[in-house]
Protein backbone atom coordinates (compact mmCIF):
# COMPACT_ATOMS: atom_id res chain seq x y z
CA MET A 1 188.79 69.24 124.88
CA GLN A 2 187.82 67.43 128.07
CA ALA A 3 184.05 66.98 128.39
CA SER A 4 184.05 67.31 132.16
CA PRO A 5 186.40 68.25 134.99
CA SER A 6 185.89 64.77 136.47
CA LEU A 7 184.71 62.47 133.70
CA PRO A 8 186.82 62.17 130.52
CA ARG A 9 185.31 62.63 127.09
CA SER A 10 185.92 58.93 126.43
CA GLU A 11 183.33 58.14 129.12
CA PHE A 12 180.59 59.86 127.14
CA GLU A 13 181.81 58.37 123.87
CA ARG A 14 181.51 54.91 125.46
CA ARG A 15 177.91 55.64 126.41
CA LEU A 16 177.03 56.93 122.95
CA SER A 17 178.58 53.82 121.43
CA ALA A 18 176.42 51.63 123.68
CA VAL A 19 173.15 53.30 122.66
CA ARG A 20 174.19 53.17 119.00
CA ASP A 21 174.59 49.42 119.35
CA TRP A 22 171.04 49.24 120.73
CA ILE A 23 169.70 51.44 117.93
CA GLY A 24 171.26 49.01 115.46
CA GLU A 25 169.25 46.17 117.00
CA THR A 26 165.92 47.96 116.41
CA ASP A 27 163.95 49.19 113.41
CA ALA A 28 164.57 52.78 114.55
CA ASP A 29 166.69 55.31 112.69
CA ALA A 30 167.61 57.20 115.87
CA GLY A 31 167.44 57.21 119.63
CA VAL A 32 165.62 60.19 121.16
CA TRP A 33 165.65 61.46 124.74
CA PHE A 34 163.58 64.08 126.56
CA GLY A 35 164.73 63.31 130.14
CA ALA A 36 167.26 65.81 131.49
CA ARG A 37 169.33 63.20 133.33
CA SER A 38 169.58 60.99 130.25
CA ILE A 39 170.65 63.91 128.08
CA GLU A 40 173.31 64.85 130.63
CA TYR A 41 174.43 61.23 130.86
CA LEU A 42 175.03 61.00 127.11
CA THR A 43 176.39 64.47 126.29
CA HIS A 44 177.37 66.23 129.55
CA PHE A 45 174.87 68.98 128.67
CA TYR A 46 173.05 69.51 131.94
CA HIS A 47 169.97 71.64 132.43
CA ALA A 48 166.98 72.05 134.72
CA GLN A 49 163.89 70.40 133.26
CA THR A 50 161.25 73.11 132.90
CA GLU A 51 158.39 74.00 130.57
CA ARG A 52 161.03 74.40 127.83
CA PRO A 53 161.67 70.94 126.32
CA VAL A 54 165.12 69.74 125.30
CA VAL A 55 165.25 66.92 122.74
CA LEU A 56 168.35 64.85 122.00
CA ALA A 57 168.69 62.70 118.88
CA VAL A 58 171.44 60.14 118.32
CA THR A 59 171.95 58.30 115.03
CA ALA A 60 174.72 55.98 113.88
CA ASP A 61 176.75 58.99 112.76
CA GLU A 62 175.52 62.13 114.48
CA VAL A 63 174.34 63.70 117.73
CA ARG A 64 171.93 66.63 117.45
CA ILE A 65 169.90 68.52 120.02
CA THR A 66 166.95 70.91 120.16
CA VAL A 67 167.01 73.48 122.96
CA PRO A 68 165.26 76.73 123.88
CA LYS A 69 167.18 79.76 122.61
CA LEU A 70 168.27 80.68 126.14
CA GLU A 71 170.30 77.42 126.29
CA HIS A 72 171.83 77.72 122.83
CA ILE A 73 175.00 79.49 123.98
CA ARG A 74 175.68 76.75 126.53
CA VAL A 75 175.22 73.89 124.12
CA ARG A 76 176.59 75.08 120.78
CA ASP A 77 180.26 74.43 121.64
CA ASN A 78 179.69 71.05 123.29
CA PRO A 79 182.27 68.75 121.65
CA LEU A 80 179.94 65.76 121.82
CA ILE A 81 177.05 67.45 119.95
CA ASP A 82 177.34 67.90 116.19
CA GLU A 83 174.55 70.43 115.71
CA ALA A 84 172.13 72.38 117.93
CA TYR A 85 168.67 73.60 116.89
CA HIS A 86 166.75 76.16 118.92
CA TYR A 87 163.27 77.63 119.29
CA PHE A 88 162.39 80.98 120.87
CA ASP A 89 160.48 79.90 123.99
CA TYR A 90 157.36 78.10 125.14
CA PRO A 91 154.54 78.68 124.35
CA GLY A 92 155.73 81.38 121.92
CA GLY A 93 157.96 78.94 120.07
CA ASP A 94 157.19 75.43 118.89
CA PRO A 95 159.60 72.98 120.55
CA ILE A 96 158.33 69.75 119.04
CA ALA A 97 158.03 71.21 115.57
CA THR A 98 161.67 72.30 115.82
CA ALA A 99 162.67 68.82 117.00
CA VAL A 100 160.75 67.29 114.08
CA VAL A 101 162.72 69.48 111.65
CA MET A 102 165.89 68.20 113.32
CA LEU A 103 164.77 64.60 112.79
CA GLU A 104 163.76 65.30 109.18
CA ASP A 105 167.19 66.79 108.49
CA LEU A 106 168.70 63.56 109.83
CA GLY A 107 166.45 61.51 107.53
CA VAL A 108 164.73 59.92 110.54
CA GLU A 109 161.29 58.32 110.15
CA ARG A 110 161.20 56.03 113.20
CA VAL A 111 162.72 56.64 116.63
CA ALA A 112 163.27 54.74 119.85
CA ALA A 113 162.45 57.29 122.55
CA ASP A 114 162.53 57.43 126.33
CA MET A 115 159.03 58.99 126.25
CA ASP A 116 156.49 60.02 123.63
CA GLY A 117 157.03 63.74 123.86
CA ALA A 118 158.27 66.14 126.51
CA PRO A 119 157.05 65.65 130.09
CA GLY A 120 154.35 67.97 131.43
CA VAL A 121 156.61 70.01 133.69
CA MET A 122 155.73 73.52 134.93
CA GLY A 123 152.63 73.75 132.77
CA TYR A 124 154.05 72.40 129.51
CA GLN A 125 151.37 70.90 127.28
CA GLY A 126 152.72 69.75 123.97
CA PRO A 127 151.90 67.26 121.26
CA ALA A 128 153.12 63.69 121.30
CA LEU A 129 156.18 62.95 119.21
CA SER A 130 154.24 60.07 117.64
CA ASP A 131 151.99 62.65 115.95
CA PHE A 132 154.91 63.28 113.58
CA VAL A 133 157.13 60.15 113.48
CA ASP A 134 156.84 56.49 114.40
CA VAL A 135 157.88 55.99 118.04
CA GLU A 136 158.84 52.88 119.96
CA GLY A 137 159.74 53.02 123.64
CA GLN A 138 163.14 52.34 125.21
CA SER A 139 164.77 52.67 128.62
CA TRP A 140 168.40 52.12 127.64
CA ILE A 141 169.87 54.83 129.86
CA ASP A 142 168.15 53.40 132.94
CA TRP A 143 170.02 50.16 132.30
CA LEU A 144 173.33 51.82 131.46
CA ARG A 145 173.24 53.94 134.61
CA ARG A 146 173.03 50.87 136.84
CA GLU A 147 176.59 49.79 136.08
CA LYS A 148 179.07 52.50 137.07
CA SER A 149 182.42 52.66 135.30
CA ASP A 150 185.72 53.16 137.11
CA ALA A 151 185.52 56.87 136.26
CA GLU A 152 182.03 57.17 137.73
CA LEU A 153 183.05 55.28 140.88
CA ALA A 154 186.01 57.63 141.31
CA VAL A 155 183.63 60.60 141.23
CA MET A 156 181.31 58.95 143.75
CA ARG A 157 184.23 58.22 146.09
CA GLU A 158 185.14 61.90 145.87
CA ALA A 159 181.54 62.87 146.65
CA SER A 160 181.60 60.58 149.69
CA LYS A 161 184.63 62.45 151.09
CA TRP A 162 182.81 65.77 150.89
CA ALA A 163 179.65 64.28 152.37
CA HIS A 164 181.73 63.10 155.32
CA LEU A 165 183.07 66.62 155.77
CA ALA A 166 179.52 67.97 155.80
CA HIS A 167 178.47 65.26 158.24
CA ARG A 168 181.43 66.13 160.47
CA TYR A 169 180.34 69.77 160.56
CA LEU A 170 176.81 68.63 161.37
CA ALA A 171 177.85 66.31 164.20
CA ASP A 172 180.15 68.93 165.71
CA LYS A 173 177.23 71.35 166.09
CA ILE A 174 174.94 68.88 167.86
CA LYS A 175 174.32 69.79 171.50
CA PRO A 176 171.34 70.34 173.80
CA GLY A 177 169.50 73.56 172.99
CA ALA A 178 170.64 73.77 169.37
CA ARG A 179 167.89 73.86 166.75
CA GLN A 180 167.69 71.30 163.95
CA GLY A 181 167.36 73.83 161.15
CA THR A 182 170.12 76.11 162.37
CA VAL A 183 172.58 73.24 162.77
CA SER A 184 171.76 71.78 159.35
CA GLN A 185 171.89 75.12 157.55
CA ARG A 186 175.23 76.10 159.03
CA ALA A 187 176.81 72.70 158.37
CA SER A 188 175.60 72.74 154.75
CA MET A 189 176.92 76.26 154.21
CA GLU A 190 180.33 75.60 155.78
CA ALA A 191 180.88 72.35 153.88
CA SER A 192 179.77 73.92 150.60
CA ARG A 193 182.14 76.82 151.16
CA ALA A 194 184.97 74.38 151.81
CA MET A 195 184.23 72.62 148.50
CA PHE A 196 184.12 75.89 146.57
CA ASP A 197 187.31 77.20 148.20
CA THR A 198 189.20 73.93 147.72
CA LEU A 199 188.11 72.94 144.22
CA GLY A 200 187.71 76.42 142.74
CA THR A 201 186.81 76.36 139.05
CA ARG A 202 187.26 72.57 138.99
CA TYR A 203 183.90 72.28 140.75
CA VAL A 204 180.88 72.19 138.42
CA PRO A 205 177.53 72.44 140.23
CA ARG A 206 174.38 70.64 139.18
CA THR A 207 170.69 71.10 139.88
CA GLY A 208 169.87 68.13 142.09
CA ILE A 209 166.52 66.49 142.64
CA TYR A 210 166.30 67.28 146.35
CA PHE A 211 168.78 70.10 146.81
CA GLU A 212 170.93 72.61 144.99
CA GLY A 213 174.59 73.19 145.67
CA PRO A 214 177.64 71.12 146.58
CA THR A 215 176.53 69.70 149.93
CA HIS A 216 173.40 69.33 151.98
CA THR A 217 172.81 68.13 155.53
CA GLY A 218 169.73 67.51 157.62
CA MET A 219 168.49 65.85 160.77
CA HIS A 220 165.44 64.80 162.77
CA SER A 221 165.45 64.31 166.51
CA GLY A 222 163.60 62.71 169.39
CA GLU A 223 160.23 61.09 168.86
CA GLN A 224 160.07 62.76 165.44
CA THR A 225 162.54 60.16 164.15
CA ALA A 226 159.88 57.46 164.59
CA GLU A 227 158.60 58.63 161.18
CA PRO A 228 160.89 57.55 158.33
CA HIS A 229 160.40 60.84 156.41
CA PRO A 230 159.07 63.49 158.82
CA TYR A 231 158.72 67.13 157.91
CA PRO A 232 161.34 69.24 159.69
CA ALA A 233 160.07 70.78 162.91
CA ASN A 234 163.20 72.80 163.76
CA GLN A 235 162.78 71.76 167.36
CA LYS A 236 165.52 72.16 169.94
CA LEU A 237 167.77 69.19 170.59
CA ARG A 238 167.56 67.66 174.06
CA GLU A 239 169.97 65.53 176.01
CA GLY A 240 169.03 61.88 175.48
CA ASP A 241 167.54 62.48 172.01
CA THR A 242 167.87 59.96 169.23
CA ILE A 243 168.92 61.77 166.04
CA ILE A 244 168.90 60.57 162.45
CA THR A 245 171.37 62.63 160.45
CA ALA A 246 171.90 62.90 156.71
CA ALA A 247 174.58 64.40 154.51
CA GLU A 248 174.97 64.43 150.73
CA ALA A 249 177.45 65.90 148.28
CA ASP A 250 177.24 66.43 144.53
CA VAL A 251 180.41 66.05 142.46
CA ASP A 252 180.01 66.41 138.70
CA GLY A 253 176.40 65.30 138.86
CA TYR A 254 176.97 62.20 141.01
CA LEU A 255 175.71 61.99 144.56
CA SER A 256 176.86 60.46 147.80
CA GLU A 257 174.77 59.63 150.85
CA ILE A 258 175.49 59.06 154.51
CA GLU A 259 172.92 58.71 157.29
CA ARG A 260 173.61 57.87 160.91
CA THR A 261 171.59 57.19 164.03
CA MET A 262 173.24 59.31 166.72
CA PHE A 263 172.51 60.16 170.33
CA VAL A 264 172.80 63.39 172.27
CA GLY A 265 174.70 61.99 175.22
CA ASP A 266 174.52 58.41 176.46
CA PRO A 267 171.56 56.40 175.13
CA ASP A 268 169.41 54.40 177.53
CA ASP A 269 169.04 50.61 177.42
CA GLU A 270 166.05 50.70 175.07
CA GLN A 271 167.82 52.98 172.61
CA ARG A 272 170.90 50.76 172.73
CA HIS A 273 168.83 47.66 172.05
CA TYR A 274 167.12 49.00 168.94
CA PHE A 275 170.37 50.53 167.69
CA GLU A 276 172.12 47.15 167.89
CA VAL A 277 169.22 45.40 166.13
CA MET A 278 169.33 48.01 163.34
CA LEU A 279 173.10 47.71 163.06
CA GLU A 280 172.97 43.94 162.74
CA ALA A 281 170.23 44.24 160.10
CA GLN A 282 172.45 46.56 158.08
CA THR A 283 175.46 44.27 158.59
CA THR A 284 173.37 41.32 157.40
CA ALA A 285 172.58 43.16 154.17
CA ILE A 286 176.21 44.10 153.57
CA ARG A 287 177.39 40.56 154.34
CA THR A 288 174.80 38.99 152.00
CA ALA A 289 175.42 41.31 149.04
CA GLY A 290 177.82 40.52 146.23
CA PRO A 291 178.09 39.88 142.47
CA GLY A 292 175.46 37.49 141.18
CA VAL A 293 173.26 37.88 144.27
CA GLU A 294 169.65 38.85 143.72
CA TYR A 295 168.56 42.07 145.38
CA SER A 296 165.54 40.23 146.75
CA THR A 297 167.86 37.75 148.49
CA VAL A 298 169.51 40.58 150.43
CA ALA A 299 166.15 42.08 151.36
CA GLN A 300 164.84 38.67 152.45
CA ALA A 301 167.88 38.07 154.66
CA VAL A 302 167.22 41.36 156.45
CA TRP A 303 163.53 40.54 156.79
CA ASP A 304 164.27 37.10 158.22
CA TYR A 305 166.55 38.69 160.83
CA MET A 306 163.89 41.24 161.77
CA VAL A 307 161.31 38.47 162.14
CA GLU A 308 163.75 36.57 164.34
CA GLN A 309 164.13 39.67 166.51
CA GLY A 310 160.39 40.32 166.57
CA VAL A 311 160.68 43.80 165.03
CA GLU A 312 159.20 43.22 161.57
CA ASP A 313 156.18 45.38 162.48
CA LEU A 314 158.62 48.27 163.09
CA ALA A 315 160.04 48.13 159.54
CA PHE A 316 158.31 50.54 157.15
CA HIS A 317 160.35 50.42 153.94
CA HIS A 318 162.70 48.35 151.82
CA VAL A 319 166.39 47.91 152.58
CA GLY A 320 167.82 50.37 150.04
CA HIS A 321 167.93 51.82 146.56
CA GLY A 322 170.29 52.50 143.70
CA LEU A 323 172.44 55.63 143.88
CA GLY A 324 174.14 57.68 141.19
CA MET A 325 172.93 60.77 139.36
CA VAL A 326 169.89 60.97 141.65
CA THR A 327 169.47 59.87 145.24
CA HIS A 328 166.85 57.22 144.43
CA GLU A 329 167.18 55.15 141.28
CA PRO A 330 166.76 51.48 140.38
CA PRO A 331 167.48 48.76 141.23
CA TYR A 332 165.91 48.54 144.69
CA VAL A 333 166.90 46.30 147.56
CA ASP A 334 163.39 44.93 147.96
CA ARG A 335 161.87 41.49 148.35
CA GLY A 336 159.89 42.16 145.16
CA SER A 337 162.94 43.05 143.07
CA GLU A 338 163.84 40.91 140.06
CA ALA A 339 167.29 42.48 139.55
CA THR A 340 170.65 40.81 140.18
CA MET A 341 173.73 42.55 141.57
CA GLU A 342 176.46 43.11 139.00
CA PRO A 343 179.94 44.63 139.34
CA GLY A 344 179.62 48.41 139.16
CA HIS A 345 176.20 48.58 140.80
CA VAL A 346 175.96 51.09 143.65
CA PHE A 347 173.10 50.90 146.13
CA THR A 348 172.35 52.08 149.65
CA VAL A 349 171.88 49.78 152.62
CA GLU A 350 169.49 51.40 155.09
CA PRO A 351 167.10 49.05 156.88
CA GLY A 352 165.19 51.07 159.46
CA ILE A 353 163.34 50.37 162.69
CA TYR A 354 160.77 52.92 163.89
CA VAL A 355 159.47 52.78 167.44
CA GLU A 356 156.54 55.06 168.26
CA ASP A 357 157.10 57.32 171.29
CA LEU A 358 160.80 56.45 171.26
CA GLY A 359 162.43 57.13 167.90
CA GLY A 360 163.85 55.76 164.68
CA PHE A 361 167.05 53.83 164.03
CA ARG A 362 168.63 53.89 160.56
CA HIS A 363 172.09 54.13 159.06
CA SER A 364 172.56 54.53 155.31
CA ASP A 365 175.72 53.57 153.44
CA PRO A 366 176.34 53.17 149.71
CA VAL A 367 177.70 49.77 148.70
CA VAL A 368 179.64 49.13 145.48
CA VAL A 369 179.43 45.65 143.96
CA THR A 370 182.90 44.55 142.83
CA ASP A 371 184.13 41.52 140.90
CA SER A 372 184.93 39.70 144.14
CA GLY A 373 182.52 41.16 146.71
CA THR A 374 181.51 44.61 147.89
CA GLU A 375 183.05 47.93 148.92
CA LEU A 376 181.56 50.47 151.33
CA LEU A 377 181.90 54.02 150.03
CA ASN A 378 181.45 55.52 153.51
CA TYR A 379 183.97 55.22 156.32
CA TRP A 380 182.19 56.93 159.23
CA GLY A 381 181.91 54.39 162.05
CA ARG A 382 178.70 52.41 162.16
CA ASP A 383 179.18 51.26 165.77
CA LEU A 384 177.42 52.81 168.75
CA GLU A 385 180.44 54.59 170.26
CA SER A 386 181.14 56.40 166.98
CA ASN A 387 177.67 57.90 167.09
CA ILE A 388 177.34 59.20 170.64
CA VAL A 389 177.70 62.99 170.69
CA THR A 390 179.33 64.68 173.67
CA TRP A 391 179.91 68.39 174.17
């Protein structure tokens, strides 16, 4: 049985083998995970993290899981999980006590866990796992998720294609008088429908961090774009506006990202100037990146260019962030980063310039580190002419 429509079962078996190797290097009898993304990463059992804890245990020989009863049907036939325990609900049931029984049945006395008990989500207040067994901390999945396999990269390339479709729908609806919210909502709906119609039962949705469904688009316009993360105002678009667009797609739990600085009609000289500075800053980051390069080196190269151009006071955030199962994950393209780029890393490149009373200027493109250099996942033009909207 295939574990996923996009990722083969062997992908998950590889991950389980990796954490078992780590367990063998510790004094722990098992690895334990409470985080929903980590549990999905290891077993392909995906769920929304709520007040009902899910607890995964991996030993040298077995994989067991504790779930609320309402999830038991979904998990009991998972080919990667040997046995599933369940409790009635929270607070009526006792999630941690059930998980402790699971660990006792496995003969576990000491665990390496991603956290000491379930997170306090939606009002959950439970005991620490260390009240019952010895616990040492670990962040193995965070490290594993940094390096994408060929199968994961194939999924992310697929997600990028659908994000481009959503972005195309978004751009085609931009014109003076249109409202931000209406344009974004319609583009998201049409692109999502295209994914559902095209992929059919091959498409498996996930509950994302920032959105639900196959695709999502958004935009900010005019002076509002001078804030890196403004709240949507649903204002009408005007001729001459600077627009920062965004489109994402979710394929089998992996996300894409594309952002573009666009203009409603021909930009003026000031808009053109800041656009070209932003574009060169992004190009500098892409040109500097590669295997064995420190993330801080890329961020410093962008900063040096901004200082040279006299726009460092207009930069409000780091150059980019890791991308994969969530839209923001480590490592970060930041001057304070201590991480080094390795083949299989995927990160965004999105240096921004924000000019009060004029607007913001930011593209975002995911970059894959390869054995010999880098690969851009996006193919929408980054140049000015590709981002001028006419109607």
